[in-house]
Amino acid sequence: MTEPLATHQFQPDGVDAALEFLKRTRFELRMLRKVRVFGDRLQVFDINGDLFQIDGVGYRDEQIVPLLNNINTAFKPERIHDPTDDEYKEFKTGRRYPWAADRVM
């Protein structure tokens, strides 16, 4: 496993600071490929295997949902907090919305 290019220490009620970190650092990587969500940290990988990390927030925390949504992770928000026997939960990034999905017909 490689060392993160950048790390952010998540503070309680620090979603805005973590979102700013994601916005600032995601352009240092190539196209985002996958996300690993541990019980206590979030790792974001690009297609080259480079990563950055947010410590202090994991799949058990409510604040993980806006962070995953910000990087277009394909996951089910209602099931992200479910416990697992695995070391981490892994999701692909790059979720896309169909054109006009937000329009009411």
PDB file of N, CA and C in Angstrom:
ATOM      1  N   MET A   1       0.844  -1.176   0.000  1.00  0.00           N
ATOM      2  CA  MET A   1       0.000   0.000   0.000  1.00  0.00           C
ATOM      3  C   MET A   1       0.894   1.245   0.000  1.00  0.00           C
ATOM      4  N   THR A   2       0.531   2.207  -0.803  1.00  0.00           N
ATOM      5  CA  THR A   2       1.314   3.432  -0.894  1.00  0.00           C
ATOM      6  C   THR A   2       0.877   4.424   0.175  1.00  0.00           C
ATOM      7  N   GLU A   3       1.728   5.372   0.424  1.00  0.00           N
ATOM      8  CA  GLU A   3       1.419   6.430   1.375  1.00  0.00           C
ATOM      9  C   GLU A   3       0.528   7.472   0.704  1.00  0.00           C
ATOM     10  N   PRO A   4      -0.402   8.061   1.452  1.00  0.00           N
ATOM     11  CA  PRO A   4      -1.265   9.097   0.870  1.00  0.00           C
ATOM     12  C   PRO A   4      -0.466  10.325   0.447  1.00  0.00           C
ATOM     13  N   LEU A   5      -0.869  10.920  -0.671  1.00  0.00           N
ATOM     14  CA  LEU A   5      -0.256  12.164  -1.122  1.00  0.00           C
ATOM     15  C   LEU A   5      -0.626  13.325  -0.204  1.00  0.00           C
ATOM     16  N   ALA A   6      -1.833  13.271   0.357  1.00  0.00           N
ATOM     17  CA  ALA A   6      -2.302  14.305   1.275  1.00  0.00           C
ATOM     18  C   ALA A   6      -3.237  13.653   2.290  1.00  0.00           C
ATOM     19  N   THR A   7      -3.233  14.188   3.511  1.00  0.00           N
ATOM     20  CA  THR A   7      -4.082  13.671   4.585  1.00  0.00           C
ATOM     21  C   THR A   7      -4.761  14.840   5.285  1.00  0.00           C
ATOM     22  N   HIS A   8      -6.007  14.619   5.658  1.00  0.00           N
ATOM     23  CA  HIS A   8      -6.792  15.624   6.382  1.00  0.00           C
ATOM     24  C   HIS A   8      -7.320  14.973   7.650  1.00  0.00           C
ATOM     25  N   GLN A   9      -7.203  15.666   8.779  1.00  0.00           N
ATOM     26  CA  GLN A   9      -7.754  15.171  10.036  1.00  0.00           C
ATOM     27  C   GLN A   9      -9.160  15.730  10.199  1.00  0.00           C
ATOM     28  N   PHE A  10     -10.158  14.847  10.144  1.00  0.00           N
ATOM     29  CA  PHE A  10     -11.562  15.251  10.242  1.00  0.00           C
ATOM     30  C   PHE A  10     -11.884  15.633  11.677  1.00  0.00           C
ATOM     31  N   GLN A  11     -12.543  16.755  11.849  1.00  0.00           N
ATOM     32  CA  GLN A  11     -12.997  17.212  13.160  1.00  0.00           C
ATOM     33  C   GLN A  11     -14.508  17.047  13.255  1.00  0.00           C
ATOM     34  N   PRO A  12     -15.055  16.790  14.446  1.00  0.00           N
ATOM     35  CA  PRO A  12     -16.518  16.722  14.569  1.00  0.00           C
ATOM     36  C   PRO A  12     -17.151  18.016  14.041  1.00  0.00           C
ATOM     37  N   ASP A  13     -18.204  17.874  13.289  1.00  0.00           N
ATOM     38  CA  ASP A  13     -18.872  19.003  12.633  1.00  0.00           C
ATOM     39  C   ASP A  13     -17.939  19.723  11.650  1.00  0.00           C
ATOM     40  N   GLY A  14     -16.987  19.000  11.077  1.00  0.00           N
ATOM     41  CA  GLY A  14     -16.045  19.595  10.137  1.00  0.00           C
ATOM     42  C   GLY A  14     -16.274  19.139   8.706  1.00  0.00           C
ATOM     43  N   VAL A  15     -17.538  18.937   8.337  1.00  0.00           N
ATOM     44  CA  VAL A  15     -17.845  18.471   6.989  1.00  0.00           C
ATOM     45  C   VAL A  15     -17.406  19.500   5.949  1.00  0.00           C
ATOM     46  N   ASP A  16     -17.629  20.778   6.219  1.00  0.00           N
ATOM     47  CA  ASP A  16     -17.260  21.813   5.249  1.00  0.00           C
ATOM     48  C   ASP A  16     -15.755  21.838   4.999  1.00  0.00           C
ATOM     49  N   ALA A  17     -14.955  21.678   6.049  1.00  0.00           N
ATOM     50  CA  ALA A  17     -13.497  21.655   5.890  1.00  0.00           C
ATOM     51  C   ALA A  17     -13.059  20.415   5.108  1.00  0.00           C
ATOM     52  N   ALA A  18     -13.702  19.281   5.364  1.00  0.00           N
ATOM     53  CA  ALA A  18     -13.366  18.058   4.634  1.00  0.00           C
ATOM     54  C   ALA A  18     -13.771  18.169   3.163  1.00  0.00           C
ATOM     55  N   LEU A  19     -14.927  18.786   2.885  1.00  0.00           N
ATOM     56  CA  LEU A  19     -15.343  18.996   1.500  1.00  0.00           C
ATOM     57  C   LEU A  19     -14.373  19.927   0.773  1.00  0.00           C
ATOM     58  N   GLU A  20     -13.881  20.939   1.461  1.00  0.00           N
ATOM     59  CA  GLU A  20     -12.894  21.853   0.879  1.00  0.00           C
ATOM     60  C   GLU A  20     -11.587  21.105   0.585  1.00  0.00           C
ATOM     61  N   PHE A  21     -11.183  20.213   1.503  1.00  0.00           N
ATOM     62  CA  PHE A  21      -9.990  19.384   1.278  1.00  0.00           C
ATOM     63  C   PHE A  21     -10.173  18.506   0.046  1.00  0.00           C
ATOM     64  N   LEU A  22     -11.335  17.868  -0.087  1.00  0.00           N
ATOM     65  CA  LEU A  22     -11.606  17.030  -1.253  1.00  0.00           C
ATOM     66  C   LEU A  22     -11.549  17.837  -2.540  1.00  0.00           C
ATOM     67  N   LYS A  23     -12.148  19.019  -2.513  1.00  0.00           N
ATOM     68  CA  LYS A  23     -12.163  19.872  -3.699  1.00  0.00           C
ATOM     69  C   LYS A  23     -10.752  20.308  -4.089  1.00  0.00           C
ATOM     70  N   ARG A  24      -9.958  20.644  -3.099  1.00  0.00           N
ATOM     71  CA  ARG A  24      -8.608  21.126  -3.353  1.00  0.00           C
ATOM     72  C   ARG A  24      -7.668  20.015  -3.825  1.00  0.00           C
ATOM     73  N   THR A  25      -7.801  18.817  -3.258  1.00  0.00           N
ATOM     74  CA  THR A  25      -6.845  17.758  -3.559  1.00  0.00           C
ATOM     75  C   THR A  25      -7.240  16.868  -4.730  1.00  0.00           C
ATOM     76  N   ARG A  26      -8.508  16.809  -5.068  1.00  0.00           N
ATOM     77  CA  ARG A  26      -8.907  15.881  -6.129  1.00  0.00           C
ATOM     78  C   ARG A  26      -8.315  16.247  -7.481  1.00  0.00           C
ATOM     79  N   PHE A  27      -7.940  17.492  -7.675  1.00  0.00           N
ATOM     80  CA  PHE A  27      -7.343  17.901  -8.940  1.00  0.00           C
ATOM     81  C   PHE A  27      -5.847  17.600  -9.002  1.00  0.00           C
ATOM     82  N   GLU A  28      -5.269  17.149  -7.888  1.00  0.00           N
ATOM     83  CA  GLU A  28      -3.879  16.704  -7.895  1.00  0.00           C
ATOM     84  C   GLU A  28      -3.774  15.269  -8.401  1.00  0.00           C
ATOM     85  N   LEU A  29      -4.880  14.561  -8.432  1.00  0.00           N
ATOM     86  CA  LEU A  29      -4.907  13.180  -8.886  1.00  0.00           C
ATOM     87  C   LEU A  29      -5.445  13.110 -10.305  1.00  0.00           C
ATOM     88  N   ARG A  30      -5.294  11.952 -10.919  1.00  0.00           N
ATOM     89  CA  ARG A  30      -5.915  11.697 -12.213  1.00  0.00           C
ATOM     90  C   ARG A  30      -7.383  11.362 -11.962  1.00  0.00           C
ATOM     91  N   MET A  31      -8.031  10.767 -12.939  1.00  0.00           N
ATOM     92  CA  MET A  31      -9.441  10.410 -12.796  1.00  0.00           C
ATOM     93  C   MET A  31      -9.622   9.484 -11.587  1.00  0.00           C
ATOM     94  N   LEU A  32     -10.579   9.817 -10.730  1.00  0.00           N
ATOM     95  CA  LEU A  32     -10.815   9.025  -9.526  1.00  0.00           C
ATOM     96  C   LEU A  32     -11.379   7.658  -9.907  1.00  0.00           C
ATOM     97  N   ARG A  33     -10.929   6.621  -9.211  1.00  0.00           N
ATOM     98  CA  ARG A  33     -11.307   5.258  -9.562  1.00  0.00           C
ATOM     99  C   ARG A  33     -12.123   4.561  -8.494  1.00  0.00           C
ATOM    100  N   LYS A  34     -11.660   4.629  -7.229  1.00  0.00           N
ATOM    101  CA  LYS A  34     -12.360   3.908  -6.170  1.00  0.00           C
ATOM    102  C   LYS A  34     -12.160   4.596  -4.835  1.00  0.00           C
ATOM    103  N   VAL A  35     -13.006   4.191  -3.889  1.00  0.00           N
ATOM    104  CA  VAL A  35     -12.977   4.717  -2.534  1.00  0.00           C
ATOM    105  C   VAL A  35     -12.983   3.534  -1.582  1.00  0.00           C
ATOM    106  N   ARG A  36     -12.165   3.613  -0.562  1.00  0.00           N
ATOM    107  CA  ARG A  36     -12.203   2.635   0.525  1.00  0.00           C
ATOM    108  C   ARG A  36     -12.612   3.370   1.789  1.00  0.00           C
ATOM    109  N   VAL A  37     -13.674   2.864   2.428  1.00  0.00           N
ATOM    110  CA  VAL A  37     -14.178   3.478   3.645  1.00  0.00           C
ATOM    111  C   VAL A  37     -13.931   2.494   4.790  1.00  0.00           C
ATOM    112  N   PHE A  38     -13.041   2.858   5.677  1.00  0.00           N
ATOM    113  CA  PHE A  38     -12.734   2.070   6.862  1.00  0.00           C
ATOM    114  C   PHE A  38     -13.639   2.536   8.002  1.00  0.00           C
ATOM    115  N   GLY A  39     -13.495   1.946   9.147  1.00  0.00           N
ATOM    116  CA  GLY A  39     -14.266   2.393  10.307  1.00  0.00           C
ATOM    117  C   GLY A  39     -13.837   3.757  10.803  1.00  0.00           C
ATOM    118  N   ASP A  40     -12.584   4.152  10.493  1.00  0.00           N
ATOM    119  CA  ASP A  40     -12.059   5.404  11.022  1.00  0.00           C
ATOM    120  C   ASP A  40     -11.416   6.316   9.983  1.00  0.00           C
ATOM    121  N   ARG A  41     -11.471   5.955   8.694  1.00  0.00           N
ATOM    122  CA  ARG A  41     -10.859   6.799   7.669  1.00  0.00           C
ATOM    123  C   ARG A  41     -11.467   6.527   6.295  1.00  0.00           C
ATOM    124  N   LEU A  42     -11.220   7.460   5.392  1.00  0.00           N
ATOM    125  CA  LEU A  42     -11.690   7.402   4.013  1.00  0.00           C
ATOM    126  C   LEU A  42     -10.475   7.558   3.110  1.00  0.00           C
ATOM    127  N   GLN A  43     -10.314   6.643   2.144  1.00  0.00           N
ATOM    128  CA  GLN A  43      -9.224   6.738   1.176  1.00  0.00           C
ATOM    129  C   GLN A  43      -9.811   6.848  -0.224  1.00  0.00           C
ATOM    130  N   VAL A  44      -9.274   7.765  -1.017  1.00  0.00           N
ATOM    131  CA  VAL A  44      -9.725   7.977  -2.389  1.00  0.00           C
ATOM    132  C   VAL A  44      -8.555   7.696  -3.317  1.00  0.00           C
ATOM    133  N   PHE A  45      -8.753   6.779  -4.293  1.00  0.00           N
ATOM    134  CA  PHE A  45      -7.714   6.344  -5.216  1.00  0.00           C
ATOM    135  C   PHE A  45      -8.003   6.849  -6.623  1.00  0.00           C
ATOM    136  N   ASP A  46      -6.928   7.137  -7.358  1.00  0.00           N
ATOM    137  CA  ASP A  46      -7.092   7.465  -8.774  1.00  0.00           C
ATOM    138  C   ASP A  46      -6.676   6.260  -9.621  1.00  0.00           C
ATOM    139  N   ILE A  47      -6.699   6.413 -10.934  1.00  0.00           N
ATOM    140  CA  ILE A  47      -6.415   5.277 -11.820  1.00  0.00           C
ATOM    141  C   ILE A  47      -4.959   4.828 -11.753  1.00  0.00           C
ATOM    142  N   ASN A  48      -4.068   5.669 -11.251  1.00  0.00           N
ATOM    143  CA  ASN A  48      -2.658   5.304 -11.109  1.00  0.00           C
ATOM    144  C   ASN A  48      -2.349   4.663  -9.765  1.00  0.00           C
ATOM    145  N   GLY A  49      -3.329   4.593  -8.873  1.00  0.00           N
ATOM    146  CA  GLY A  49      -3.106   4.032  -7.552  1.00  0.00           C
ATOM    147  C   GLY A  49      -2.684   5.053  -6.514  1.00  0.00           C
ATOM    148  N   ASP A  50      -2.543   6.325  -6.915  1.00  0.00           N
ATOM    149  CA  ASP A  50      -2.244   7.381  -5.944  1.00  0.00           C
ATOM    150  C   ASP A  50      -3.488   7.611  -5.093  1.00  0.00           C
ATOM    151  N   LEU A  51      -3.285   8.070  -3.863  1.00  0.00           N
ATOM    152  CA  LEU A  51      -4.438   8.252  -2.994  1.00  0.00           C
ATOM    153  C   LEU A  51      -4.270   9.448  -2.081  1.00  0.00           C
ATOM    154  N   PHE A  52      -5.389   9.920  -1.574  1.00  0.00           N
ATOM    155  CA  PHE A  52      -5.403  10.845  -0.452  1.00  0.00           C
ATOM    156  C   PHE A  52      -6.393  10.326   0.564  1.00  0.00           C
ATOM    157  N   GLN A  53      -6.278  10.811   1.789  1.00  0.00           N
ATOM    158  CA  GLN A  53      -6.979  10.191   2.906  1.00  0.00           C
ATOM    159  C   GLN A  53      -7.563  11.231   3.847  1.00  0.00           C
ATOM    160  N   ILE A  54      -8.724  10.905   4.420  1.00  0.00           N
ATOM    161  CA  ILE A  54      -9.325  11.705   5.478  1.00  0.00           C
ATOM    162  C   ILE A  54      -9.420  10.812   6.707  1.00  0.00           C
ATOM    163  N   ASP A  55      -8.689  11.158   7.750  1.00  0.00           N
ATOM    164  CA  ASP A  55      -8.702  10.409   9.002  1.00  0.00           C
ATOM    165  C   ASP A  55      -9.790  10.953   9.920  1.00  0.00           C
ATOM    166  N   GLY A  56     -10.378  10.070  10.719  1.00  0.00           N
ATOM    167  CA  GLY A  56     -11.335  10.503  11.733  1.00  0.00           C
ATOM    168  C   GLY A  56     -12.788  10.378  11.327  1.00  0.00           C
ATOM    169  N   VAL A  57     -13.085   9.885  10.143  1.00  0.00           N
ATOM    170  CA  VAL A  57     -14.467   9.668   9.707  1.00  0.00           C
ATOM    171  C   VAL A  57     -14.508   8.338   8.957  1.00  0.00           C
ATOM    172  N   GLY A  58     -15.538   7.537   9.253  1.00  0.00           N
ATOM    173  CA  GLY A  58     -15.651   6.229   8.624  1.00  0.00           C
ATOM    174  C   GLY A  58     -17.093   5.905   8.283  1.00  0.00           C
ATOM    175  N   TYR A  59     -17.326   4.654   7.907  1.00  0.00           N
ATOM    176  CA  TYR A  59     -18.665   4.266   7.462  1.00  0.00           C
ATOM    177  C   TYR A  59     -19.695   4.291   8.588  1.00  0.00           C
ATOM    178  N   ARG A  60     -19.265   4.314   9.817  1.00  0.00           N
ATOM    179  CA  ARG A  60     -20.217   4.382  10.941  1.00  0.00           C
ATOM    180  C   ARG A  60     -20.765   5.799  11.157  1.00  0.00           C
ATOM    181  N   ASP A  61     -20.084   6.801  10.639  1.00  0.00           N
ATOM    182  CA  ASP A  61     -20.432   8.200  10.877  1.00  0.00           C
ATOM    183  C   ASP A  61     -21.438   8.719   9.861  1.00  0.00           C
ATOM    184  N   GLU A  62     -22.354   9.556  10.318  1.00  0.00           N
ATOM    185  CA  GLU A  62     -23.348  10.172   9.437  1.00  0.00           C
ATOM    186  C   GLU A  62     -22.703  11.125   8.433  1.00  0.00           C
ATOM    187  N   GLN A  63     -21.587  11.735   8.797  1.00  0.00           N
ATOM    188  CA  GLN A  63     -20.941  12.728   7.942  1.00  0.00           C
ATOM    189  C   GLN A  63     -20.282  12.119   6.711  1.00  0.00           C
ATOM    190  N   ILE A  64     -20.206  10.795   6.621  1.00  0.00           N
ATOM    191  CA  ILE A  64     -19.558  10.163   5.468  1.00  0.00           C
ATOM    192  C   ILE A  64     -20.396  10.315   4.202  1.00  0.00           C
ATOM    193  N   VAL A  65     -21.704  10.421   4.330  1.00  0.00           N
ATOM    194  CA  VAL A  65     -22.589  10.482   3.161  1.00  0.00           C
ATOM    195  C   VAL A  65     -22.299  11.698   2.282  1.00  0.00           C
ATOM    196  N   PRO A  66     -22.231  12.932   2.825  1.00  0.00           N
ATOM    197  CA  PRO A  66     -21.921  14.061   1.930  1.00  0.00           C
ATOM    198  C   PRO A  66     -20.524  13.991   1.324  1.00  0.00           C
ATOM    199  N   LEU A  67     -19.577  13.376   2.030  1.00  0.00           N
ATOM    200  CA  LEU A  67     -18.229  13.240   1.480  1.00  0.00           C
ATOM    201  C   LEU A  67     -18.225  12.284   0.286  1.00  0.00           C
ATOM    202  N   LEU A  68     -18.917  11.150   0.420  1.00  0.00           N
ATOM    203  CA  LEU A  68     -18.992  10.201  -0.685  1.00  0.00           C
ATOM    204  C   LEU A  68     -19.779  10.768  -1.861  1.00  0.00           C
ATOM    205  N   ASN A  69     -20.839  11.500  -1.571  1.00  0.00           N
ATOM    206  CA  ASN A  69     -21.608  12.131  -2.651  1.00  0.00           C
ATOM    207  C   ASN A  69     -20.771  13.159  -3.406  1.00  0.00           C
ATOM    208  N   ASN A  70     -19.890  13.845  -2.694  1.00  0.00           N
ATOM    209  CA  ASN A  70     -19.063  14.874  -3.313  1.00  0.00           C
ATOM    210  C   ASN A  70     -18.111  14.312  -4.359  1.00  0.00           C
ATOM    211  N   ILE A  71     -17.660  13.084  -4.181  1.00  0.00           N
ATOM    212  CA  ILE A  71     -16.738  12.480  -5.144  1.00  0.00           C
ATOM    213  C   ILE A  71     -17.433  11.454  -6.036  1.00  0.00           C
ATOM    214  N   ASN A  72     -18.759  11.554  -6.129  1.00  0.00           N
ATOM    215  CA  ASN A  72     -19.569  10.743  -7.048  1.00  0.00           C
ATOM    216  C   ASN A  72     -19.385   9.241  -6.844  1.00  0.00           C
ATOM    217  N   THR A  73     -19.455   8.822  -5.590  1.00  0.00           N
ATOM    218  CA  THR A  73     -19.321   7.405  -5.252  1.00  0.00           C
ATOM    219  C   THR A  73     -20.649   6.697  -5.463  1.00  0.00           C
ATOM    220  N   ALA A  74     -20.584   5.512  -6.038  1.00  0.00           N
ATOM    221  CA  ALA A  74     -21.785   4.698  -6.248  1.00  0.00           C
ATOM    222  C   ALA A  74     -22.011   3.836  -5.008  1.00  0.00           C
ATOM    223  N   PHE A  75     -22.941   4.247  -4.155  1.00  0.00           N
ATOM    224  CA  PHE A  75     -23.235   3.533  -2.919  1.00  0.00           C
ATOM    225  C   PHE A  75     -24.682   3.776  -2.538  1.00  0.00           C
ATOM    226  N   LYS A  76     -25.184   2.971  -1.597  1.00  0.00           N
ATOM    227  CA  LYS A  76     -26.536   3.142  -1.084  1.00  0.00           C
ATOM    228  C   LYS A  76     -26.448   3.858   0.265  1.00  0.00           C
ATOM    229  N   PRO A  77     -26.913   5.095   0.341  1.00  0.00           N
ATOM    230  CA  PRO A  77     -26.792   5.852   1.585  1.00  0.00           C
ATOM    231  C   PRO A  77     -27.473   5.181   2.780  1.00  0.00           C
ATOM    232  N   GLU A  78     -28.545   4.448   2.525  1.00  0.00           N
ATOM    233  CA  GLU A  78     -29.247   3.812   3.642  1.00  0.00           C
ATOM    234  C   GLU A  78     -28.502   2.582   4.173  1.00  0.00           C
ATOM    235  N   ARG A  79     -27.506   2.057   3.439  1.00  0.00           N
ATOM    236  CA  ARG A  79     -26.791   0.858   3.869  1.00  0.00           C
ATOM    237  C   ARG A  79     -25.318   1.103   4.190  1.00  0.00           C
ATOM    238  N   ILE A  80     -24.854   2.323   4.014  1.00  0.00           N
ATOM    239  CA  ILE A  80     -23.433   2.600   4.220  1.00  0.00           C
ATOM    240  C   ILE A  80     -23.021   2.384   5.675  1.00  0.00           C
ATOM    241  N   HIS A  81     -23.926   2.577   6.628  1.00  0.00           N
ATOM    242  CA  HIS A  81     -23.590   2.478   8.049  1.00  0.00           C
ATOM    243  C   HIS A  81     -23.683   1.057   8.591  1.00  0.00           C
ATOM    244  N   ASP A  82     -24.095   0.098   7.771  1.00  0.00           N
ATOM    245  CA  ASP A  82     -24.204  -1.285   8.225  1.00  0.00           C
ATOM    246  C   ASP A  82     -22.821  -1.827   8.593  1.00  0.00           C
ATOM    247  N   PRO A  83     -22.724  -2.569   9.695  1.00  0.00           N
ATOM    248  CA  PRO A  83     -21.425  -3.134  10.080  1.00  0.00           C
ATOM    249  C   PRO A  83     -20.959  -4.197   9.087  1.00  0.00           C
ATOM    250  N   THR A  84     -19.651  -4.409   9.047  1.00  0.00           N
ATOM    251  CA  THR A  84     -19.064  -5.408   8.162  1.00  0.00           C
ATOM    252  C   THR A  84     -17.938  -6.133   8.889  1.00  0.00           C
ATOM    253  N   ASP A  85     -17.684  -7.366   8.494  1.00  0.00           N
ATOM    254  CA  ASP A  85     -16.567  -8.128   9.049  1.00  0.00           C
ATOM    255  C   ASP A  85     -15.271  -7.845   8.296  1.00  0.00           C
ATOM    256  N   ASP A  86     -15.390  -7.204   7.140  1.00  0.00           N
ATOM    257  CA  ASP A  86     -14.218  -6.869   6.339  1.00  0.00           C
ATOM    258  C   ASP A  86     -13.490  -5.673   6.945  1.00  0.00           C
ATOM    259  N   GLU A  87     -12.256  -5.482   6.507  1.00  0.00           N
ATOM    260  CA  GLU A  87     -11.459  -4.365   7.009  1.00  0.00           C
ATOM    261  C   GLU A  87     -12.009  -3.017   6.531  1.00  0.00           C
ATOM    262  N   TYR A  88     -12.572  -3.005   5.322  1.00  0.00           N
ATOM    263  CA  TYR A  88     -13.102  -1.767   4.745  1.00  0.00           C
ATOM    264  C   TYR A  88     -14.198  -2.101   3.747  1.00  0.00           C
ATOM    265  N   LYS A  89     -14.932  -1.053   3.344  1.00  0.00           N
ATOM    266  CA  LYS A  89     -15.917  -1.157   2.270  1.00  0.00           C
ATOM    267  C   LYS A  89     -15.337  -0.415   1.070  1.00  0.00           C
ATOM    268  N   GLU A  90     -15.435  -1.033  -0.109  1.00  0.00           N
ATOM    269  CA  GLU A  90     -14.851  -0.434  -1.309  1.00  0.00           C
ATOM    270  C   GLU A  90     -15.945  -0.136  -2.325  1.00  0.00           C
ATOM    271  N   PHE A  91     -15.903   1.058  -2.889  1.00  0.00           N
ATOM    272  CA  PHE A  91     -16.885   1.503  -3.870  1.00  0.00           C
ATOM    273  C   PHE A  91     -16.171   2.124  -5.054  1.00  0.00           C
ATOM    274  N   LYS A  92     -16.794   2.057  -6.207  1.00  0.00           N
ATOM    275  CA  LYS A  92     -16.275   2.727  -7.403  1.00  0.00           C
ATOM    276  C   LYS A  92     -16.769   4.173  -7.412  1.00  0.00           C
ATOM    277  N   THR A  93     -15.993   5.029  -8.036  1.00  0.00           N
ATOM    278  CA  THR A  93     -16.398   6.420  -8.194  1.00  0.00           C
ATOM    279  C   THR A  93     -16.786   6.656  -9.647  1.00  0.00           C
ATOM    280  N   GLY A  94     -17.274   7.842  -9.925  1.00  0.00           N
ATOM    281  CA  GLY A  94     -17.642   8.181 -11.294  1.00  0.00           C
ATOM    282  C   GLY A  94     -19.106   7.966 -11.592  1.00  0.00           C
ATOM    283  N   ARG A  95     -19.931   7.911 -10.562  1.00  0.00           N
ATOM    284  CA  ARG A  95     -21.374   7.753 -10.765  1.00  0.00           C
ATOM    285  C   ARG A  95     -21.871   8.897 -11.638  1.00  0.00           C
ATOM    286  N   ARG A  96     -22.722   8.580 -12.571  1.00  0.00           N
ATOM    287  CA  ARG A  96     -23.268   9.584 -13.487  1.00  0.00           C
ATOM    288  C   ARG A  96     -24.788   9.615 -13.362  1.00  0.00           C
ATOM    289  N   TYR A  97     -25.350  10.768 -13.600  1.00  0.00           N
ATOM    290  CA  TYR A  97     -26.795  10.927 -13.584  1.00  0.00           C
ATOM    291  C   TYR A  97     -27.301  11.056 -15.018  1.00  0.00           C
ATOM    292  N   PRO A  98     -28.389  10.403 -15.347  1.00  0.00           N
ATOM    293  CA  PRO A  98     -28.924  10.553 -16.697  1.00  0.00           C
ATOM    294  C   PRO A  98     -29.446  11.968 -16.912  1.00  0.00           C
ATOM    295  N   TRP A  99     -29.414  12.378 -18.149  1.00  0.00           N
ATOM    296  CA  TRP A  99     -29.884  13.700 -18.486  1.00  0.00           C
ATOM    297  C   TRP A  99     -31.337  13.864 -18.053  1.00  0.00           C
ATOM    298  N   ALA A 100     -31.673  14.968 -17.453  1.00  0.00           N
ATOM    299  CA  ALA A 100     -33.025  15.331 -17.025  1.00  0.00           C
ATOM    300  C   ALA A 100     -33.567  14.433 -15.914  1.00  0.00           C
ATOM    301  N   ALA A 101     -32.701  13.793 -15.151  1.00  0.00           N
ATOM    302  CA  ALA A 101     -33.157  12.932 -14.043  1.00  0.00           C
ATOM    303  C   ALA A 101     -33.825  13.752 -12.950  1.00  0.00           C
ATOM    304  N   ASP A 102     -33.482  15.021 -12.844  1.00  0.00           N
ATOM    305  CA  ASP A 102     -34.065  15.846 -11.809  1.00  0.00           C
ATOM    306  C   ASP A 102     -35.361  16.530 -12.217  1.00  0.00           C
ATOM    307  N   ARG A 103     -35.815  16.316 -13.427  1.00  0.00           N
ATOM    308  CA  ARG A 103     -37.061  16.931 -13.891  1.00  0.00           C
ATOM    309  C   ARG A 103     -38.245  16.048 -13.561  1.00  0.00           C
ATOM    310  N   VAL A 104     -39.320  16.670 -13.234  1.00  0.00           N
ATOM    311  CA  VAL A 104     -40.541  15.938 -12.920  1.00  0.00           C
ATOM    312  C   VAL A 104     -41.371  15.827 -14.196  1.00  0.00           C
ATOM    313  N   MET A 105     -41.762  14.643 -14.520  1.00  0.00           N
ATOM    314  CA  MET A 105     -42.561  14.431 -15.714  1.00  0.00           C
ATOM    315  C   MET A 105     -44.012  14.193 -15.350  1.00  0.00           C
TER     316      MET A 105
END
